[in-house]
C-alpha atoms as a PDB file:
ATOM      1  CA  UNK A   1      -2.212  -4.024  22.379  1.00  0.00           C
ATOM      2  CA  UNK A   2      -0.950  -6.978  24.023  1.00  0.00           C
ATOM      3  CA  UNK A   3      -3.649  -8.772  25.664  1.00  0.00           C
ATOM      4  CA  UNK A   4      -1.461 -11.288  27.067  1.00  0.00           C
ATOM      5  CA  UNK A   5       0.366  -8.558  29.617  1.00  0.00           C
ATOM      6  CA  UNK A   6      -2.731  -6.409  29.023  1.00  0.00           C
ATOM      7  CA  UNK A   7      -0.423  -3.496  28.152  1.00  0.00           C
ATOM      8  CA  UNK A   8      -0.266  -1.028  25.091  1.00  0.00           C
ATOM      9  CA  UNK A   9       2.517  -1.237  22.923  1.00  0.00           C
ATOM     10  CA  UNK A  10       2.935   1.871  20.660  1.00  0.00           C
ATOM     11  CA  UNK A  11       0.944   4.498  18.730  1.00  0.00           C
ATOM     12  CA  UNK A  12       0.937   5.404  15.558  1.00  0.00           C
ATOM     13  CA  UNK A  13      -0.395   8.005  13.580  1.00  0.00           C
ATOM     14  CA  UNK A  14      -1.685   6.648  10.512  1.00  0.00           C
ATOM     15  CA  UNK A  15      -3.285   7.759   7.204  1.00  0.00           C
ATOM     16  CA  UNK A  16      -6.283   5.664   6.002  1.00  0.00           C
ATOM     17  CA  UNK A  17      -6.551   4.066   2.940  1.00  0.00           C
ATOM     18  CA  UNK A  18     -10.562   3.023   2.245  1.00  0.00           C
ATOM     19  CA  UNK A  19     -10.784   3.099  -1.841  1.00  0.00           C
ATOM     20  CA  UNK A  20      -9.536   0.202  -4.221  1.00  0.00           C
ATOM     21  CA  UNK A  21      -7.340   3.028  -6.128  1.00  0.00           C
ATOM     22  CA  UNK A  22      -5.910   3.881  -2.433  1.00  0.00           C
ATOM     23  CA  UNK A  23      -5.419   0.531  -1.613  1.00  0.00           C
ATOM     24  CA  UNK A  24      -3.619  -0.192  -5.142  1.00  0.00           C
ATOM     25  CA  UNK A  25      -1.541   3.034  -4.547  1.00  0.00           C
ATOM     26  CA  UNK A  26      -0.807   2.441  -0.962  1.00  0.00           C
ATOM     27  CA  UNK A  27       2.700   3.947   0.045  1.00  0.00           C
ATOM     28  CA  UNK A  28       4.140   3.791  -3.744  1.00  0.00           C
ATOM     29  CA  UNK A  29       4.114   7.719  -4.019  1.00  0.00           C
ATOM     30  CA  UNK A  30       6.240   8.134  -0.812  1.00  0.00           C
ATOM     31  CA  UNK A  31       9.741   8.016  -0.540  1.00  0.00           C
ATOM     32  CA  UNK A  32       9.563   7.678   2.968  1.00  0.00           C
ATOM     33  CA  UNK A  33       7.795   7.667   5.978  1.00  0.00           C
ATOM     34  CA  UNK A  34       7.863   9.685   9.272  1.00  0.00           C
ATOM     35  CA  UNK A  35       8.771   7.915  12.311  1.00  0.00           C
ATOM     36  CA  UNK A  36       5.650   6.488  14.568  1.00  0.00           C
ATOM     37  CA  UNK A  37       3.541   6.981  11.280  1.00  0.00           C
ATOM     38  CA  UNK A  38       1.926   4.738   8.644  1.00  0.00           C
ATOM     39  CA  UNK A  39      -0.835   3.587   6.256  1.00  0.00           C
ATOM     40  CA  UNK A  40      -3.681   1.536   7.615  1.00  0.00           C
ATOM     41  CA  UNK A  41      -5.717  -0.017   4.596  1.00  0.00           C
ATOM     42  CA  UNK A  42      -9.437  -0.577   5.571  1.00  0.00           C
ATOM     43  CA  UNK A  43     -11.422  -3.358   3.803  1.00  0.00           C
ATOM     44  CA  UNK A  44     -15.574  -3.109   3.740  1.00  0.00           C
ATOM     45  CA  UNK A  45     -15.396  -6.961   4.416  1.00  0.00           C
ATOM     46  CA  UNK A  46     -12.915  -9.547   5.707  1.00  0.00           C
ATOM     47  CA  UNK A  47     -11.200 -11.122   2.656  1.00  0.00           C
ATOM     48  CA  UNK A  48      -7.790 -12.694   2.154  1.00  0.00           C
ATOM     49  CA  UNK A  49      -5.361  -9.889   1.090  1.00  0.00           C
ATOM     50  CA  UNK A  50      -2.407  -9.879  -1.153  1.00  0.00           C
ATOM     51  CA  UNK A  51      -0.091  -6.952  -1.021  1.00  0.00           C
ATOM     52  CA  UNK A  52       3.147  -6.341  -3.358  1.00  0.00           C
ATOM     53  CA  UNK A  53       5.955  -3.510  -3.094  1.00  0.00           C
ATOM     54  CA  UNK A  54       6.695  -3.234  -6.936  1.00  0.00           C
ATOM     55  CA  UNK A  55       6.458   0.383  -6.749  1.00  0.00           C
ATOM     56  CA  UNK A  56       7.763   0.986  -3.296  1.00  0.00           C
ATOM     57  CA  UNK A  57      10.800   3.040  -2.765  1.00  0.00           C
ATOM     58  CA  UNK A  58      11.270   1.836   1.108  1.00  0.00           C
ATOM     59  CA  UNK A  59      11.479  -1.195   2.714  1.00  0.00           C
ATOM     60  CA  UNK A  60       7.620  -1.608   5.216  1.00  0.00           C
ATOM     61  CA  UNK A  61       6.689  -4.161   7.818  1.00  0.00           C
ATOM     62  CA  UNK A  62       3.269  -5.495   6.544  1.00  0.00           C
ATOM     63  CA  UNK A  63       0.780  -6.046   9.227  1.00  0.00           C
ATOM     64  CA  UNK A  64      -2.744  -7.900   8.576  1.00  0.00           C
ATOM     65  CA  UNK A  65      -5.281  -7.867  10.962  1.00  0.00           C
ATOM     66  CA  UNK A  66      -8.599 -10.013  10.888  1.00  0.00           C
ATOM     67  CA  UNK A  67     -12.449  -8.221  11.836  1.00  0.00           C
ATOM     68  CA  UNK A  68     -11.674  -8.394  15.767  1.00  0.00           C
ATOM     69  CA  UNK A  69      -8.282  -6.250  15.088  1.00  0.00           C
ATOM     70  CA  UNK A  70      -6.142  -9.156  16.152  1.00  0.00           C
ATOM     71  CA  UNK A  71      -3.251  -9.584  14.335  1.00  0.00           C
ATOM     72  CA  UNK A  72      -2.929 -12.521  11.908  1.00  0.00           C
ATOM     73  CA  UNK A  73       0.228 -12.498  10.089  1.00  0.00           C
ATOM     74  CA  UNK A  74       3.078  -9.955  10.010  1.00  0.00           C
ATOM     75  CA  UNK A  75       5.353  -9.785   7.374  1.00  0.00           C
ATOM     76  CA  UNK A  76       8.896  -7.922   8.483  1.00  0.00           C
ATOM     77  CA  UNK A  77      11.347  -5.879   6.450  1.00  0.00           C
ATOM     78  CA  UNK A  78       9.563  -6.152   2.995  1.00  0.00           C
ATOM     79  CA  UNK A  79      12.004  -5.317   0.280  1.00  0.00           C
ATOM     80  CA  UNK A  80      10.670  -2.374  -2.020  1.00  0.00           C
ATOM     81  CA  UNK A  81      10.197  -2.896  -5.693  1.00  0.00           C
ATOM     82  CA  UNK A  82       9.793  -6.811  -5.768  1.00  0.00           C
ATOM     83  CA  UNK A  83       7.592  -8.785  -7.656  1.00  0.00           C
ATOM     84  CA  UNK A  84       6.879 -11.047  -4.537  1.00  0.00           C
ATOM     85  CA  UNK A  85       3.159 -11.202  -3.167  1.00  0.00           C
ATOM     86  CA  UNK A  86       2.318 -10.982   0.515  1.00  0.00           C
ATOM     87  CA  UNK A  87      -0.607 -12.473   1.622  1.00  0.00           C
ATOM     88  CA  UNK A  88      -2.809 -12.818   4.844  1.00  0.00           C
ATOM     89  CA  UNK A  89      -2.993 -16.218   6.083  1.00  0.00           C
ATOM     90  CA  UNK A  90      -6.223 -15.481   6.954  1.00  0.00           C
ATOM     91  CA  UNK A  91      -9.106 -13.030   5.758  1.00  0.00           C
ATOM     92  CA  UNK A  92      -8.263  -9.362   6.641  1.00  0.00           C
ATOM     93  CA  UNK A  93     -10.113  -6.179   7.388  1.00  0.00           C
ATOM     94  CA  UNK A  94      -7.115  -4.294   7.949  1.00  0.00           C
ATOM     95  CA  UNK A  95      -3.565  -3.854   6.914  1.00  0.00           C
ATOM     96  CA  UNK A  96      -1.170  -1.724   8.463  1.00  0.00           C
ATOM     97  CA  UNK A  97       1.534  -0.718   6.414  1.00  0.00           C
ATOM     98  CA  UNK A  98       4.797   0.623   8.888  1.00  0.00           C
ATOM     99  CA  UNK A  99       8.216   1.675   8.279  1.00  0.00           C
ATOM    100  CA  UNK A 100      10.378  -1.595   7.955  1.00  0.00           C
ATOM    101  CA  UNK A 101      11.707  -2.706  11.798  1.00  0.00           C
ATOM    102  CA  UNK A 102       8.574  -1.077  13.427  1.00  0.00           C
ATOM    103  CA  UNK A 103       7.023  -4.429  14.594  1.00  0.00           C
ATOM    104  CA  UNK A 104      10.185  -5.587  15.788  1.00  0.00           C
ATOM    105  CA  UNK A 105      11.153  -2.546  17.378  1.00  0.00           C
ATOM    106  CA  UNK A 106       7.586  -1.905  19.391  1.00  0.00           C
ATOM    107  CA  UNK A 107       7.518  -5.852  19.767  1.00  0.00           C
ATOM    108  CA  UNK A 108       4.179  -6.233  17.856  1.00  0.00           C
ATOM    109  CA  UNK A 109       3.560  -9.633  17.423  1.00  0.00           C
ATOM    110  CA  UNK A 110       0.922 -12.287  15.702  1.00  0.00           C
ATOM    111  CA  UNK A 111      -2.234 -12.126  17.970  1.00  0.00           C
ATOM    112  CA  UNK A 112      -1.430  -8.854  19.527  1.00  0.00           C
ATOM    113  CA  UNK A 113      -4.385  -6.609  18.885  1.00  0.00           C
ATOM    114  CA  UNK A 114      -4.463  -3.256  17.287  1.00  0.00           C
ATOM    115  CA  UNK A 115      -6.827  -0.361  18.401  1.00  0.00           C
ATOM    116  CA  UNK A 116      -8.789   1.166  15.177  1.00  0.00           C
ATOM    117  CA  UNK A 117      -9.982   4.575  15.968  1.00  0.00           C
ATOM    118  CA  UNK A 118     -13.743   5.066  15.146  1.00  0.00           C
ATOM    119  CA  UNK A 119     -12.161   8.508  13.410  1.00  0.00           C
ATOM    120  CA  UNK A 120     -11.056   6.583  10.680  1.00  0.00           C
ATOM    121  CA  UNK A 121     -13.626   4.439  10.199  1.00  0.00           C
ATOM    122  CA  UNK A 122     -16.393   7.100   9.632  1.00  0.00           C
END
């Protein structure tokens, strides 16, 4: 959601990852993501989050989201199999992993909002 223009940018069907094991596994067991799908990592408290793509099989966009559901950091088109660690610039409550290029394709930018469905939080 773009608060500056008061408009919705896109919606995605996401799987929720809530446990440490699910966070560590991420999308490493996937060979690809269907269009407009992703993985939402949900943390019990806002914290600095680190993501790596060492065991990934495809490139992704990594979107860090704060406790107010505002995007704080976006890493675009992160290569699979990298030892590089991607971090949030501020404490994050969520991380959204999407297909590479989706953030640019749907004009998702820093300070836009991600509306997290209550169904994912229960």
